[in-house]
Structures are given as structure tokens and as C-alpha cells.
Amino acid sequence: MLNQFSRTELLLGKEGVEKLSKSRVAVFGIGGVGAYAVEALVRSGLGAIDIIDDDKVCITNLNRQLYATRKTVDKYKVDVAKERILDINPNCIVNTYKTFYTPQTENEFDFSQYDYVIDAIDTVVGKLSLIEKSKSANVPIICAMGAGNKLDPTRFEVADISKTSVCPLAKVIRQELRKRRIKGVKVVYSKEIPIKPKEDMSISCKYDCVCPPGTRKCTVKHQIPGSTAFVPPVVGLIIAGEVVKDLAGIGKIKD
């Protein structure tokens, strides 16, 4: 009988679709990258998803983020995401957390409950914590490296962190994981040399912050990266593709 996942089943097979329907994935960070990963997973028939993000939609998100529209500005991203997810697949179990993931909040999550973890956050300490917790729970994780300050979506690759080059964020993570003797972390990264954002004070969040009330200010960042409508989504979709194939048993998770 035809259903909303029939076209997916033509490629993944009935068994693959059933595996997805019984899987639970945690997506940490649902901004430019994470939101598109969530979208693709839900449209692929994922059975349960945990979405973790403490941000509200900001006017500056409209250039790239899936959940950002004029109507959703000032709303929590996880609330907007849940509504959209259930509109696509009412049978999907959605768990939302208005949490800024750090080593201080890591114990709020039971990683053993997940079949896969997606790291789409932008802090080094948070990424390292996600990797350590996932590894300890023996749960596969895939991490997004730097998607900001890039203009060429064709330069992104999937690789083990040990095989990365050029990307400044990947270099830092690679070095820190080596210190911790952690191996076998799948990442999506770009070999494009990052573009230095233009110094224009008239459009600088540091001097004209428009973050919604009650949220962390983007001004706490060392540098606010430039971004586009076509780079972060590609990263999110690449990540979702890896997760879907791994969970459905098509392709092997790289250790």
C-alpha cells in the first residue's frame, strides 16, 4: 500500500524503512545546519527525534534557517520545529529541550537512549563533550565542522576527523581528540579556505544586537560568521544522508 515513505522504500527497501521507523536520533543545534538535518530525517521516516536548542528565531536567521520566517521571529526554534515535524509525520515522537548544550548540561541527556547523535552546535567544548558522551555510550555520532564564512557548498566532504585538513575548527577538534585518545569520529568539513567577514559596523551584531529577549546574545561569540542560504543546508543534508544510510544498514559507519 502506498504511503508517504513509499518513494524512500524504493531505495532503502522495506527493512531499511522499518529500521528508521524504530530509530531515535538526537540533534544538538537546529540552526542553519541542524534544521535541515532534522527535516531530511523526518521526511525519511525516522521514528523518534530529540531536538536540543535554547535559541529563539532571530531576524538575522531568515537568510538561511529553515524555521525562520517573519511569523516565527521571537519563537523558540524547538517549538517551531516540533510543529513542523508533526505536520510532516504525526507519528514521529518529538522530544524538545530548550537547553544550551555544554559540559555543565550534558548530564541532562541519556545518550544510551539514542541510536545516533548529530552535533550541529558551534562551541568547541560542547562538541568535545558530545563526542565523549556518545563514545562512552557506544552511540555513533557525526559532527558538523565550520559551515560559516564559506561560499562553495561543493567543497564539503565526509571523513574521519583524523583525515581532515584546511578547516580551522576541524584542526582544533582533531588536536583535542588526539589528547583524549579518541578515534573514529565522522565529520562533515570543507577544504574551502574561510572567507574573512567584511568589517561593516552598520550590519554588525556586536554594535546593533537584535537577539530576541531572554536568549543568549550572539555577541558572546569571538567572531560572528557570515553565512548564506545555500551552504549550511547542504551540510545538514549531507549529515542526514549519512545517518539515514547508517541506520538503514546501507553503507558502513566509519570507525
C-alpha atoms as a PDB file:
ATOM      1  CA  MET A   1       0.000   0.000   0.000  1.00  0.00           C
ATOM      2  CA  LEU A   2       1.313   3.438  -0.909  1.00  0.00           C
ATOM      3  CA  ASN A   3       2.236   5.776   1.931  1.00  0.00           C
ATOM      4  CA  GLN A   4       4.345   8.887   2.460  1.00  0.00           C
ATOM      5  CA  PHE A   5       7.553   6.848   2.592  1.00  0.00           C
ATOM      6  CA  SER A   6       6.909   4.664  -0.458  1.00  0.00           C
ATOM      7  CA  ARG A   7       9.448   6.511  -2.629  1.00  0.00           C
ATOM      8  CA  THR A   8      12.069   6.152   0.096  1.00  0.00           C
ATOM      9  CA  GLU A   9      11.316   2.451   0.390  1.00  0.00           C
ATOM     10  CA  LEU A  10      12.088   2.012  -3.316  1.00  0.00           C
ATOM     11  CA  LEU A  11      15.707   2.828  -2.451  1.00  0.00           C
ATOM     12  CA  LEU A  12      16.153   1.698   1.145  1.00  0.00           C
ATOM     13  CA  GLY A  13      13.880  -1.335   0.980  1.00  0.00           C
ATOM     14  CA  LYS A  14      11.158  -2.270   3.443  1.00  0.00           C
ATOM     15  CA  GLU A  15      13.674  -3.405   6.062  1.00  0.00           C
ATOM     16  CA  GLY A  16      15.612  -0.152   5.830  1.00  0.00           C
ATOM     17  CA  VAL A  17      12.491   1.961   6.275  1.00  0.00           C
ATOM     18  CA  GLU A  18      11.418  -0.174   9.231  1.00  0.00           C
ATOM     19  CA  LYS A  19      14.825   0.330  10.868  1.00  0.00           C
ATOM     20  CA  LEU A  20      14.444   4.080  10.507  1.00  0.00           C
ATOM     21  CA  SER A  21      10.944   3.978  11.982  1.00  0.00           C
ATOM     22  CA  LYS A  22      12.340   2.261  15.073  1.00  0.00           C
ATOM     23  CA  SER A  23      15.324   4.596  15.464  1.00  0.00           C
ATOM     24  CA  ARG A  24      15.824   7.605  17.710  1.00  0.00           C
ATOM     25  CA  VAL A  25      18.237  10.397  16.819  1.00  0.00           C
ATOM     26  CA  ALA A  26      19.342  13.373  18.893  1.00  0.00           C
ATOM     27  CA  VAL A  27      20.118  16.581  17.028  1.00  0.00           C
ATOM     28  CA  PHE A  28      22.068  19.094  19.063  1.00  0.00           C
ATOM     29  CA  GLY A  29      21.625  22.513  17.497  1.00  0.00           C
ATOM     30  CA  ILE A  30      18.844  23.205  14.985  1.00  0.00           C
ATOM     31  CA  GLY A  31      20.157  26.310  13.277  1.00  0.00           C
ATOM     32  CA  GLY A  32      21.320  26.565   9.679  1.00  0.00           C
ATOM     33  CA  VAL A  33      22.791  23.046   9.638  1.00  0.00           C
ATOM     34  CA  GLY A  34      20.781  21.126  12.212  1.00  0.00           C
ATOM     35  CA  ALA A  35      17.337  22.175  10.997  1.00  0.00           C
ATOM     36  CA  TYR A  36      17.916  20.730   7.537  1.00  0.00           C
ATOM     37  CA  ALA A  37      19.260  17.523   9.039  1.00  0.00           C
ATOM     38  CA  VAL A  38      16.079  17.252  11.106  1.00  0.00           C
ATOM     39  CA  GLU A  39      13.901  17.920   8.062  1.00  0.00           C
ATOM     40  CA  ALA A  40      15.534  15.197   5.979  1.00  0.00           C
ATOM     41  CA  LEU A  41      15.432  12.653   8.801  1.00  0.00           C
ATOM     42  CA  VAL A  42      11.749  13.241   9.469  1.00  0.00           C
ATOM     43  CA  ARG A  43      10.866  13.078   5.779  1.00  0.00           C
ATOM     44  CA  SER A  44      12.822   9.801   5.605  1.00  0.00           C
ATOM     45  CA  GLY A  45      10.591   8.209   8.236  1.00  0.00           C
ATOM     46  CA  LEU A  46      12.602   8.491  11.444  1.00  0.00           C
ATOM     47  CA  GLY A  47      10.540   7.208  14.368  1.00  0.00           C
ATOM     48  CA  ALA A  48      11.755   9.475  17.163  1.00  0.00           C
ATOM     49  CA  ILE A  49      13.850  12.602  17.356  1.00  0.00           C
ATOM     50  CA  ASP A  50      15.255  14.739  20.156  1.00  0.00           C
ATOM     51  CA  ILE A  51      15.941  18.357  19.237  1.00  0.00           C
ATOM     52  CA  ILE A  52      18.116  20.438  21.510  1.00  0.00           C
ATOM     53  CA  ASP A  53      18.486  24.220  21.152  1.00  0.00           C
ATOM     54  CA  ASP A  54      17.830  27.121  23.515  1.00  0.00           C
ATOM     55  CA  ASP A  55      17.635  29.831  20.848  1.00  0.00           C
ATOM     56  CA  LYS A  56      14.665  31.786  19.600  1.00  0.00           C
ATOM     57  CA  VAL A  57      14.299  32.693  15.941  1.00  0.00           C
ATOM     58  CA  CYS A  58      16.069  35.984  15.195  1.00  0.00           C
ATOM     59  CA  ILE A  59      15.521  38.296  12.238  1.00  0.00           C
ATOM     60  CA  THR A  60      19.115  37.575  11.149  1.00  0.00           C
ATOM     61  CA  ASN A  61      18.228  33.865  10.814  1.00  0.00           C
ATOM     62  CA  LEU A  62      15.887  34.471   7.882  1.00  0.00           C
ATOM     63  CA  ASN A  63      18.719  34.364   5.347  1.00  0.00           C
ATOM     64  CA  ARG A  64      19.444  30.678   5.958  1.00  0.00           C
ATOM     65  CA  GLN A  65      17.487  28.854   8.669  1.00  0.00           C
ATOM     66  CA  LEU A  66      14.611  26.518   7.816  1.00  0.00           C
ATOM     67  CA  TYR A  67      12.374  27.510  10.728  1.00  0.00           C
ATOM     68  CA  ALA A  68      12.927  31.239  10.323  1.00  0.00           C
ATOM     69  CA  THR A  69      10.056  33.222   8.823  1.00  0.00           C
ATOM     70  CA  ARG A  70       8.540  36.571   9.715  1.00  0.00           C
ATOM     71  CA  LYS A  71       5.842  34.702  11.654  1.00  0.00           C
ATOM     72  CA  THR A  72       8.295  32.710  13.779  1.00  0.00           C
ATOM     73  CA  VAL A  73      10.637  35.507  14.887  1.00  0.00           C
ATOM     74  CA  ASP A  74      10.924  35.527  18.713  1.00  0.00           C
ATOM     75  CA  LYS A  75       9.575  31.955  18.974  1.00  0.00           C
ATOM     76  CA  TYR A  76      11.689  29.112  20.312  1.00  0.00           C
ATOM     77  CA  LYS A  77      13.228  27.140  17.472  1.00  0.00           C
ATOM     78  CA  VAL A  78      12.418  23.777  19.060  1.00  0.00           C
ATOM     79  CA  ASP A  79       8.733  24.733  19.373  1.00  0.00           C
ATOM     80  CA  VAL A  80       8.527  25.804  15.730  1.00  0.00           C
ATOM     81  CA  ALA A  81      10.439  22.678  14.709  1.00  0.00           C
ATOM     82  CA  LYS A  82       8.139  20.332  16.608  1.00  0.00           C
ATOM     83  CA  GLU A  83       5.059  21.816  14.987  1.00  0.00           C
ATOM     84  CA  ARG A  84       6.582  21.395  11.524  1.00  0.00           C
ATOM     85  CA  ILE A  85       7.805  17.843  12.240  1.00  0.00           C
ATOM     86  CA  LEU A  86       4.366  16.684  13.366  1.00  0.00           C
ATOM     87  CA  ASP A  87       2.776  18.335  10.352  1.00  0.00           C
ATOM     88  CA  ILE A  88       5.048  16.185   8.165  1.00  0.00           C
ATOM     89  CA  ASN A  89       4.765  12.978  10.178  1.00  0.00           C
ATOM     90  CA  PRO A  90       2.273  12.926  13.077  1.00  0.00           C
ATOM     91  CA  ASN A  91       3.604   9.532  14.148  1.00  0.00           C
ATOM     92  CA  CYS A  92       7.105  10.814  14.854  1.00  0.00           C
ATOM     93  CA  ILE A  93       7.929  11.090  18.569  1.00  0.00           C
ATOM     94  CA  VAL A  94       9.431  14.525  19.197  1.00  0.00           C
ATOM     95  CA  ASN A  95      11.292  15.430  22.382  1.00  0.00           C
ATOM     96  CA  THR A  96      12.298  19.078  22.740  1.00  0.00           C
ATOM     97  CA  TYR A  97      14.881  20.665  25.017  1.00  0.00           C
ATOM     98  CA  LYS A  98      15.338  24.415  25.402  1.00  0.00           C
ATOM     99  CA  THR A  99      18.889  23.786  26.504  1.00  0.00           C
ATOM    100  CA  PHE A 100      22.270  25.247  25.592  1.00  0.00           C
ATOM    101  CA  TYR A 101      24.426  22.131  25.483  1.00  0.00           C
ATOM    102  CA  THR A 102      27.690  22.385  27.423  1.00  0.00           C
ATOM    103  CA  PRO A 103      29.664  20.087  29.737  1.00  0.00           C
ATOM    104  CA  GLN A 104      27.555  21.653  32.506  1.00  0.00           C
ATOM    105  CA  THR A 105      24.282  20.440  30.950  1.00  0.00           C
ATOM    106  CA  GLU A 106      25.499  17.133  29.476  1.00  0.00           C
ATOM    107  CA  ASN A 107      24.037  15.063  32.314  1.00  0.00           C
ATOM    108  CA  GLU A 108      20.520  16.133  31.330  1.00  0.00           C
ATOM    109  CA  PHE A 109      20.744  13.663  28.463  1.00  0.00           C
ATOM    110  CA  ASP A 110      20.833   9.873  28.492  1.00  0.00           C
ATOM    111  CA  PHE A 111      22.943   9.097  25.446  1.00  0.00           C
ATOM    112  CA  SER A 112      22.279   5.366  25.762  1.00  0.00           C
ATOM    113  CA  GLN A 113      18.720   6.052  24.525  1.00  0.00           C
ATOM    114  CA  TYR A 114      19.921   7.289  21.154  1.00  0.00           C
ATOM    115  CA  ASP A 115      20.693   5.322  18.021  1.00  0.00           C
ATOM    116  CA  TYR A 116      22.632   8.240  16.572  1.00  0.00           C
ATOM    117  CA  VAL A 117      23.807  11.714  17.633  1.00  0.00           C
ATOM    118  CA  ILE A 118      24.167  14.723  15.360  1.00  0.00           C
ATOM    119  CA  ASP A 119      26.439  17.528  16.507  1.00  0.00           C
ATOM    120  CA  ALA A 120      25.375  20.791  14.851  1.00  0.00           C
ATOM    121  CA  ILE A 121      26.463  23.155  17.623  1.00  0.00           C
ATOM    122  CA  ASP A 122      29.215  25.743  17.319  1.00  0.00           C
ATOM    123  CA  THR A 123      31.265  25.595  20.505  1.00  0.00           C
ATOM    124  CA  VAL A 124      34.433  23.538  20.825  1.00  0.00           C
ATOM    125  CA  VAL A 125      33.766  22.469  24.428  1.00  0.00           C
ATOM    126  CA  GLY A 126      30.246  21.402  23.504  1.00  0.00           C
ATOM    127  CA  LYS A 127      31.405  19.371  20.529  1.00  0.00           C
ATOM    128  CA  LEU A 128      34.078  17.615  22.558  1.00  0.00           C
ATOM    129  CA  SER A 129      31.557  16.787  25.272  1.00  0.00           C
ATOM    130  CA  LEU A 130      29.096  15.367  22.711  1.00  0.00           C
ATOM    131  CA  ILE A 131      31.800  13.186  21.227  1.00  0.00           C
ATOM    132  CA  GLU A 132      32.955  11.928  24.622  1.00  0.00           C
ATOM    133  CA  LYS A 133      29.427  11.175  25.828  1.00  0.00           C
ATOM    134  CA  SER A 134      28.480   9.433  22.576  1.00  0.00           C
ATOM    135  CA  LYS A 135      31.637   7.336  22.590  1.00  0.00           C
ATOM    136  CA  SER A 136      31.078   6.360  26.219  1.00  0.00           C
ATOM    137  CA  ALA A 137      27.537   5.223  25.356  1.00  0.00           C
ATOM    138  CA  ASN A 138      28.795   3.443  22.219  1.00  0.00           C
ATOM    139  CA  VAL A 139      26.487   5.551  20.057  1.00  0.00           C
ATOM    140  CA  PRO A 140      27.605   6.751  16.600  1.00  0.00           C
ATOM    141  CA  ILE A 141      27.996  10.494  16.169  1.00  0.00           C
ATOM    142  CA  ILE A 142      28.530  12.738  13.184  1.00  0.00           C
ATOM    143  CA  CYS A 143      29.792  16.284  13.646  1.00  0.00           C
ATOM    144  CA  ALA A 144      29.435  19.403  11.526  1.00  0.00           C
ATOM    145  CA  MET A 145      32.634  21.380  11.247  1.00  0.00           C
ATOM    146  CA  GLY A 146      32.693  25.021  10.192  1.00  0.00           C
ATOM    147  CA  ALA A 147      29.893  25.996   7.777  1.00  0.00           C
ATOM    148  CA  GLY A 148      30.196  29.733   8.349  1.00  0.00           C
ATOM    149  CA  ASN A 149      32.319  32.044   6.188  1.00  0.00           C
ATOM    150  CA  LYS A 150      32.001  29.636   3.239  1.00  0.00           C
ATOM    151  CA  LEU A 151      30.547  30.162  -0.244  1.00  0.00           C
ATOM    152  CA  ASP A 152      31.201  26.867  -2.030  1.00  0.00           C
ATOM    153  CA  PRO A 153      28.864  24.028  -0.947  1.00  0.00           C
ATOM    154  CA  THR A 154      30.599  21.606  -3.318  1.00  0.00           C
ATOM    155  CA  ARG A 155      33.751  21.583  -1.189  1.00  0.00           C
ATOM    156  CA  PHE A 156      32.226  19.688   1.738  1.00  0.00           C
ATOM    157  CA  GLU A 157      33.335  16.135   2.367  1.00  0.00           C
ATOM    158  CA  VAL A 158      32.553  13.308   4.783  1.00  0.00           C
ATOM    159  CA  ALA A 159      35.645  11.963   6.520  1.00  0.00           C
ATOM    160  CA  ASP A 160      37.109  10.696   9.736  1.00  0.00           C
ATOM    161  CA  ILE A 161      38.303  13.654  11.801  1.00  0.00           C
ATOM    162  CA  SER A 162      41.876  12.354  11.518  1.00  0.00           C
ATOM    163  CA  LYS A 163      41.742  12.812   7.742  1.00  0.00           C
ATOM    164  CA  THR A 164      40.596  16.438   7.731  1.00  0.00           C
ATOM    165  CA  SER A 165      42.606  19.414   6.533  1.00  0.00           C
ATOM    166  CA  VAL A 166      42.272  23.166   5.928  1.00  0.00           C
ATOM    167  CA  CYS A 167      39.214  23.650   8.217  1.00  0.00           C
ATOM    168  CA  PRO A 168      40.336  25.605  11.341  1.00  0.00           C
ATOM    169  CA  LEU A 169      37.596  24.131  13.546  1.00  0.00           C
ATOM    170  CA  ALA A 170      38.396  20.580  12.458  1.00  0.00           C
ATOM    171  CA  LYS A 171      42.042  21.209  13.331  1.00  0.00           C
ATOM    172  CA  VAL A 172      41.180  22.240  16.884  1.00  0.00           C
ATOM    173  CA  ILE A 173      38.811  19.294  17.397  1.00  0.00           C
ATOM    174  CA  ARG A 174      41.351  16.897  15.873  1.00  0.00           C
ATOM    175  CA  GLN A 175      44.064  18.065  18.255  1.00  0.00           C
ATOM    176  CA  GLU A 176      41.815  17.867  21.309  1.00  0.00           C
ATOM    177  CA  LEU A 177      40.594  14.376  20.440  1.00  0.00           C
ATOM    178  CA  ARG A 178      44.170  13.238  19.997  1.00  0.00           C
ATOM    179  CA  LYS A 179      44.925  14.429  23.548  1.00  0.00           C
ATOM    180  CA  ARG A 180      41.947  12.436  24.780  1.00  0.00           C
ATOM    181  CA  ARG A 181      42.951   9.401  22.686  1.00  0.00           C
ATOM    182  CA  ILE A 182      39.563   9.349  20.994  1.00  0.00           C
ATOM    183  CA  LYS A 183      39.438   7.926  17.482  1.00  0.00           C
ATOM    184  CA  GLY A 184      36.838   7.199  14.846  1.00  0.00           C
ATOM    185  CA  VAL A 185      34.708  10.368  14.630  1.00  0.00           C
ATOM    186  CA  LYS A 186      32.812  11.015  11.406  1.00  0.00           C
ATOM    187  CA  VAL A 187      32.615  14.670  10.376  1.00  0.00           C
ATOM    188  CA  VAL A 188      31.455  16.848   7.507  1.00  0.00           C
ATOM    189  CA  TYR A 189      34.011  19.531   6.703  1.00  0.00           C
ATOM    190  CA  SER A 190      35.125  21.818   3.899  1.00  0.00           C
ATOM    191  CA  LYS A 191      38.506  22.326   2.272  1.00  0.00           C
ATOM    192  CA  GLU A 192      37.466  25.823   1.251  1.00  0.00           C
ATOM    193  CA  ILE A 193      39.614  28.468   2.908  1.00  0.00           C
ATOM    194  CA  PRO A 194      37.286  30.516   5.160  1.00  0.00           C
ATOM    195  CA  ILE A 195      36.406  33.984   3.922  1.00  0.00           C
ATOM    196  CA  LYS A 196      37.057  36.840   6.323  1.00  0.00           C
ATOM    197  CA  PRO A 197      33.745  38.615   7.080  1.00  0.00           C
ATOM    198  CA  LYS A 198      33.549  42.217   5.929  1.00  0.00           C
ATOM    199  CA  GLU A 199      34.020  44.756   8.697  1.00  0.00           C
ATOM    200  CA  ASP A 200      30.876  46.831   8.328  1.00  0.00           C
ATOM    201  CA  MET A 201      29.688  48.319  11.596  1.00  0.00           C
ATOM    202  CA  SER A 202      26.296  49.180  10.084  1.00  0.00           C
ATOM    203  CA  ILE A 203      25.444  45.460   9.951  1.00  0.00           C
ATOM    204  CA  SER A 204      27.427  44.271  12.943  1.00  0.00           C
ATOM    205  CA  CYS A 205      25.573  42.352  15.641  1.00  0.00           C
ATOM    206  CA  LYS A 206      28.244  43.428  18.105  1.00  0.00           C
ATOM    207  CA  TYR A 207      27.018  47.006  17.952  1.00  0.00           C
ATOM    208  CA  ASP A 208      23.401  46.571  16.922  1.00  0.00           C
ATOM    209  CA  CYS A 209      22.265  43.308  18.514  1.00  0.00           C
ATOM    210  CA  VAL A 210      18.718  42.236  17.655  1.00  0.00           C
ATOM    211  CA  CYS A 211      18.657  38.925  19.538  1.00  0.00           C
ATOM    212  CA  PRO A 212      15.186  38.175  20.954  1.00  0.00           C
ATOM    213  CA  PRO A 213      14.765  38.934  24.672  1.00  0.00           C
ATOM    214  CA  GLY A 214      15.561  36.072  27.015  1.00  0.00           C
ATOM    215  CA  THR A 215      18.113  34.360  24.771  1.00  0.00           C
ATOM    216  CA  ARG A 216      21.882  34.176  24.714  1.00  0.00           C
ATOM    217  CA  LYS A 217      23.293  37.101  22.795  1.00  0.00           C
ATOM    218  CA  CYS A 218      25.254  36.291  19.650  1.00  0.00           C
ATOM    219  CA  THR A 219      27.658  39.000  20.780  1.00  0.00           C
ATOM    220  CA  VAL A 220      29.230  36.497  23.209  1.00  0.00           C
ATOM    221  CA  LYS A 221      30.905  34.873  20.209  1.00  0.00           C
ATOM    222  CA  HIS A 222      34.510  35.775  19.469  1.00  0.00           C
ATOM    223  CA  GLN A 223      33.529  36.388  15.856  1.00  0.00           C
ATOM    224  CA  ILE A 224      30.118  36.415  14.228  1.00  0.00           C
ATOM    225  CA  PRO A 225      30.493  34.461  10.980  1.00  0.00           C
ATOM    226  CA  GLY A 226      28.964  35.323   7.658  1.00  0.00           C
ATOM    227  CA  SER A 227      26.590  32.756   6.225  1.00  0.00           C
ATOM    228  CA  THR A 228      24.383  32.069   3.223  1.00  0.00           C
ATOM    229  CA  ALA A 229      21.140  30.355   2.259  1.00  0.00           C
ATOM    230  CA  PHE A 230      22.939  27.603   0.335  1.00  0.00           C
ATOM    231  CA  VAL A 231      25.910  26.385   2.401  1.00  0.00           C
ATOM    232  CA  PRO A 232      24.533  25.349   5.845  1.00  0.00           C
ATOM    233  CA  PRO A 233      21.569  23.449   4.308  1.00  0.00           C
ATOM    234  CA  VAL A 234      23.948  21.368   2.198  1.00  0.00           C
ATOM    235  CA  VAL A 235      25.914  20.405   5.295  1.00  0.00           C
ATOM    236  CA  GLY A 236      22.725  19.441   7.108  1.00  0.00           C
ATOM    237  CA  LEU A 237      21.508  17.322   4.206  1.00  0.00           C
ATOM    238  CA  ILE A 238      24.863  15.569   3.869  1.00  0.00           C
ATOM    239  CA  ILE A 239      24.732  14.736   7.569  1.00  0.00           C
ATOM    240  CA  ALA A 240      21.165  13.438   7.320  1.00  0.00           C
ATOM    241  CA  GLY A 241      22.137  11.287   4.359  1.00  0.00           C
ATOM    242  CA  GLU A 242      24.938   9.660   6.341  1.00  0.00           C
ATOM    243  CA  VAL A 243      22.643   9.000   9.297  1.00  0.00           C
ATOM    244  CA  VAL A 244      19.850   7.555   7.153  1.00  0.00           C
ATOM    245  CA  LYS A 245      22.227   5.219   5.306  1.00  0.00           C
ATOM    246  CA  ASP A 246      23.907   4.084   8.520  1.00  0.00           C
ATOM    247  CA  LEU A 247      20.665   3.446  10.376  1.00  0.00           C
ATOM    248  CA  ALA A 248      19.077   1.699   7.406  1.00  0.00           C
ATOM    249  CA  GLY A 249      22.136  -0.521   7.084  1.00  0.00           C
ATOM    250  CA  ILE A 250      23.242   0.901   3.741  1.00  0.00           C
ATOM    251  CA  GLY A 251      26.938   1.668   3.994  1.00  0.00           C
ATOM    252  CA  LYS A 252      29.222   1.165   6.950  1.00  0.00           C
ATOM    253  CA  ILE A 253      29.852   3.624   9.773  1.00  0.00           C
ATOM    254  CA  LYS A 254      33.488   4.609   9.658  1.00  0.00           C
ATOM    255  CA  ASP A 255      35.333   3.753  12.883  1.00  0.00           C
END
